[in-house]
Amino acid sequence: MNTKAGHFIKLPSNFEVEVPTAGDDRITIQPTGIYITWSFHDAWLHYAGDQADISYAEFILPADPKYLRKFSREIAELAKKIESER
């Protein structure tokens, strides 16, 4: 499989998340961003930062440009909804 160079999206500096580790354990980390790599079929999202190498959290999306644009529109709609409820 040939993956492409990644794309980094910065997270807020105070963001903490509980993630799975190699075993059945979970730990809290403070990632600095989300790092996305892709191949012809898939796009992989991973946390980035000093502690990211111990996280086994992974999210896989189709690497289809049309789908990724739709996904980003849905995320923008979610942001509007969250904003309106605050």
C-alpha atoms as a PDB file:
ATOM      1  CA  MET A   1       0.000   0.000   0.000  1.00  0.00           C
ATOM      2  CA  ASN A   2       1.350   3.414  -0.954  1.00  0.00           C
ATOM      3  CA  THR A   3       0.236   6.178   1.427  1.00  0.00           C
ATOM      4  CA  LYS A   4       0.577   9.872   0.690  1.00  0.00           C
ATOM      5  CA  ALA A   5       2.336  12.467   2.828  1.00  0.00           C
ATOM      6  CA  GLY A   6       0.088  13.466   5.686  1.00  0.00           C
ATOM      7  CA  HIS A   7      -2.016  16.510   6.426  1.00  0.00           C
ATOM      8  CA  PHE A   8      -1.950  18.072   9.928  1.00  0.00           C
ATOM      9  CA  ILE A   9      -4.945  19.819  11.525  1.00  0.00           C
ATOM     10  CA  LYS A  10      -4.140  21.665  14.767  1.00  0.00           C
ATOM     11  CA  LEU A  11      -6.271  21.051  17.876  1.00  0.00           C
ATOM     12  CA  PRO A  12      -6.883  23.586  20.684  1.00  0.00           C
ATOM     13  CA  SER A  13      -3.985  23.633  23.164  1.00  0.00           C
ATOM     14  CA  ASN A  14      -6.143  22.540  26.124  1.00  0.00           C
ATOM     15  CA  PHE A  15      -7.775  19.541  24.397  1.00  0.00           C
ATOM     16  CA  GLU A  16      -7.616  16.242  26.306  1.00  0.00           C
ATOM     17  CA  VAL A  17      -8.966  12.894  25.200  1.00  0.00           C
ATOM     18  CA  GLU A  18      -9.059   9.381  26.623  1.00  0.00           C
ATOM     19  CA  VAL A  19      -7.663   6.874  24.122  1.00  0.00           C
ATOM     20  CA  PRO A  20      -7.036   3.124  23.974  1.00  0.00           C
ATOM     21  CA  THR A  21      -3.476   1.812  24.292  1.00  0.00           C
ATOM     22  CA  ALA A  22      -1.875  -1.382  22.981  1.00  0.00           C
ATOM     23  CA  GLY A  23      -3.447  -3.401  25.804  1.00  0.00           C
ATOM     24  CA  ASP A  24      -6.941  -3.015  27.188  1.00  0.00           C
ATOM     25  CA  ASP A  25      -5.870   0.136  29.024  1.00  0.00           C
ATOM     26  CA  ARG A  26      -7.039   3.666  28.359  1.00  0.00           C
ATOM     27  CA  ILE A  27      -5.040   6.818  29.037  1.00  0.00           C
ATOM     28  CA  THR A  28      -5.646  10.546  28.788  1.00  0.00           C
ATOM     29  CA  ILE A  29      -3.452  12.439  26.334  1.00  0.00           C
ATOM     30  CA  GLN A  30      -3.207  16.029  25.125  1.00  0.00           C
ATOM     31  CA  PRO A  31      -2.758  15.747  21.346  1.00  0.00           C
ATOM     32  CA  THR A  32      -1.594  18.792  19.408  1.00  0.00           C
ATOM     33  CA  GLY A  33      -3.543  17.887  16.295  1.00  0.00           C
ATOM     34  CA  ILE A  34      -4.995  15.291  13.995  1.00  0.00           C
ATOM     35  CA  TYR A  35      -2.705  13.789  11.366  1.00  0.00           C
ATOM     36  CA  ILE A  36      -4.350  12.408   8.231  1.00  0.00           C
ATOM     37  CA  THR A  37      -2.688  10.048   5.770  1.00  0.00           C
ATOM     38  CA  TRP A  38      -4.335   8.419   2.780  1.00  0.00           C
ATOM     39  CA  SER A  39      -4.045   5.860   0.041  1.00  0.00           C
ATOM     40  CA  PHE A  40      -6.186   5.343  -3.045  1.00  0.00           C
ATOM     41  CA  HIS A  41      -9.096   3.895  -1.004  1.00  0.00           C
ATOM     42  CA  ASP A  42      -8.767   5.029   2.615  1.00  0.00           C
ATOM     43  CA  ALA A  43      -7.942   8.074   4.735  1.00  0.00           C
ATOM     44  CA  TRP A  44      -6.627   7.419   8.271  1.00  0.00           C
ATOM     45  CA  LEU A  45      -7.054   9.950  11.071  1.00  0.00           C
ATOM     46  CA  HIS A  46      -4.725   9.712  14.082  1.00  0.00           C
ATOM     47  CA  TYR A  47      -3.938  11.982  16.982  1.00  0.00           C
ATOM     48  CA  ALA A  48      -0.616  13.832  16.685  1.00  0.00           C
ATOM     49  CA  GLY A  49       1.713  15.077  19.389  1.00  0.00           C
ATOM     50  CA  ASP A  50       4.205  13.908  21.997  1.00  0.00           C
ATOM     51  CA  GLN A  51       1.910  11.231  23.444  1.00  0.00           C
ATOM     52  CA  ALA A  52       0.253  10.181  20.194  1.00  0.00           C
ATOM     53  CA  ASP A  53       2.547   7.195  19.651  1.00  0.00           C
ATOM     54  CA  ILE A  54       0.954   5.375  22.606  1.00  0.00           C
ATOM     55  CA  SER A  55      -2.580   5.914  21.294  1.00  0.00           C
ATOM     56  CA  TYR A  56      -4.242   3.200  19.280  1.00  0.00           C
ATOM     57  CA  ALA A  57      -7.143   5.463  18.338  1.00  0.00           C
ATOM     58  CA  GLU A  58      -7.771   5.388  14.592  1.00  0.00           C
ATOM     59  CA  PHE A  59     -10.602   6.586  12.406  1.00  0.00           C
ATOM     60  CA  ILE A  60     -10.837   5.464   8.778  1.00  0.00           C
ATOM     61  CA  LEU A  61     -12.825   7.259   6.076  1.00  0.00           C
ATOM     62  CA  PRO A  62     -13.196   6.626   2.357  1.00  0.00           C
ATOM     63  CA  ALA A  63     -10.505   8.579   0.467  1.00  0.00           C
ATOM     64  CA  ASP A  64     -13.094   9.731  -2.045  1.00  0.00           C
ATOM     65  CA  PRO A  65     -12.901  13.506  -2.659  1.00  0.00           C
ATOM     66  CA  LYS A  66     -16.676  13.781  -3.134  1.00  0.00           C
ATOM     67  CA  TYR A  67     -17.332  12.002   0.167  1.00  0.00           C
ATOM     68  CA  LEU A  68     -14.682  14.017   2.046  1.00  0.00           C
ATOM     69  CA  ARG A  69     -16.277  17.273   0.843  1.00  0.00           C
ATOM     70  CA  LYS A  70     -19.684  16.023   2.027  1.00  0.00           C
ATOM     71  CA  PHE A  71     -18.147  15.016   5.364  1.00  0.00           C
ATOM     72  CA  SER A  72     -16.635  18.487   5.818  1.00  0.00           C
ATOM     73  CA  ARG A  73     -20.006  20.117   5.043  1.00  0.00           C
ATOM     74  CA  GLU A  74     -21.654  17.911   7.682  1.00  0.00           C
ATOM     75  CA  ILE A  75     -18.982  18.890  10.224  1.00  0.00           C
ATOM     76  CA  ALA A  76     -19.648  22.571   9.407  1.00  0.00           C
ATOM     77  CA  GLU A  77     -23.385  21.968   9.971  1.00  0.00           C
ATOM     78  CA  LEU A  78     -22.597  20.322  13.309  1.00  0.00           C
ATOM     79  CA  ALA A  79     -20.527  23.373  14.291  1.00  0.00           C
ATOM     80  CA  LYS A  80     -23.508  25.627  13.512  1.00  0.00           C
ATOM     81  CA  LYS A  81     -25.803  23.419  15.603  1.00  0.00           C
ATOM     82  CA  ILE A  82     -23.399  23.412  18.561  1.00  0.00           C
ATOM     83  CA  GLU A  83     -22.986  27.180  18.260  1.00  0.00           C
ATOM     84  CA  SER A  84     -26.763  27.743  18.251  1.00  0.00           C
ATOM     85  CA  GLU A  85     -27.231  25.602  21.375  1.00  0.00           C
ATOM     86  CA  ARG A  86     -24.676  27.509  23.457  1.00  0.00           C
END
